Amino acid sequence: MMKVISTVPHHSVVKQCVCRKCGSTLEYTPNDVTENPVTDYTGCTDIYKVINCGNCGTEITVS
């Protein structure tokens, strides 16, 4: 049986990035990342992983 020891994300999964529009430093976990599929003119689909800036709402591509 699984037991929850802590609900705080472990430091190994917490990442940071900087919003290029407003300059805010953002901290996120894998649960905050959404996938955004984009189809180009040839019909190929690429999937980008994105988060939204909590300050200005800009969509930021993350790896």
Protein backbone atom coordinates (compact mmCIF):
# COMPACT_ATOMS: atom_id res chain seq x y z
CA MET A 1 0.00 0.00 0.00
CA MET A 2 1.30 3.43 -0.95
CA LYS A 3 1.84 6.01 1.78
CA VAL A 4 2.08 9.78 1.16
CA ILE A 5 5.03 11.15 3.11
CA SER A 6 4.92 14.74 1.88
CA THR A 7 2.71 16.78 -0.44
CA VAL A 8 5.48 19.31 -1.14
CA PRO A 9 7.17 18.62 -4.51
CA HIS A 10 10.70 17.20 -4.22
CA HIS A 11 13.42 19.64 -5.33
CA SER A 12 14.44 17.27 -8.14
CA VAL A 13 11.16 17.87 -10.04
CA VAL A 14 10.83 21.62 -9.45
CA LYS A 15 12.16 23.69 -12.37
CA GLN A 16 12.53 27.42 -13.02
CA CYS A 17 12.34 29.64 -16.08
CA VAL A 18 12.08 33.35 -16.84
CA CYS A 19 9.20 34.92 -18.78
CA ARG A 20 10.60 36.80 -21.76
CA LYS A 21 7.69 39.24 -21.81
CA CYS A 22 7.52 40.47 -18.20
CA GLY A 23 10.79 39.12 -16.73
CA SER A 24 9.14 37.15 -13.91
CA THR A 25 10.99 34.11 -12.58
CA LEU A 26 8.62 31.15 -12.63
CA GLU A 27 8.87 27.91 -10.69
CA TYR A 28 6.89 24.93 -11.98
CA THR A 29 6.46 21.18 -11.60
CA PRO A 30 5.53 18.57 -14.24
CA ASN A 31 1.85 18.92 -13.21
CA ASP A 32 1.88 22.55 -14.44
CA VAL A 33 3.05 21.61 -17.96
CA THR A 34 0.49 21.14 -20.75
CA GLU A 35 1.05 19.81 -24.25
CA ASN A 36 0.21 22.05 -27.19
CA PRO A 37 0.04 20.24 -30.57
CA VAL A 38 0.84 22.45 -33.57
CA THR A 39 0.34 21.36 -37.20
CA ASP A 40 2.52 23.02 -39.83
CA TYR A 41 1.68 23.59 -43.50
CA THR A 42 2.99 20.14 -44.52
CA GLY A 43 0.58 18.40 -42.15
CA CYS A 44 3.23 17.31 -39.64
CA THR A 45 2.32 17.77 -36.00
CA ASP A 46 4.80 18.89 -33.35
CA ILE A 47 3.95 18.80 -29.66
CA TYR A 48 5.26 21.67 -27.54
CA LYS A 49 5.27 21.55 -23.74
CA VAL A 50 4.10 24.89 -22.35
CA ILE A 51 3.26 26.72 -19.13
CA ASN A 52 1.45 30.03 -18.71
CA CYS A 53 3.10 32.93 -16.91
CA GLY A 54 1.23 33.66 -13.68
CA ASN A 55 1.97 37.37 -14.01
CA CYS A 56 1.20 38.29 -17.64
CA GLY A 57 -0.41 35.09 -19.01
CA THR A 58 2.14 34.58 -21.80
CA GLU A 59 2.51 30.99 -23.02
CA ILE A 60 6.10 29.80 -22.40
CA THR A 61 7.62 26.76 -24.12
CA VAL A 62 9.58 24.55 -21.71
CA SER A 63 11.64 21.41 -22.25
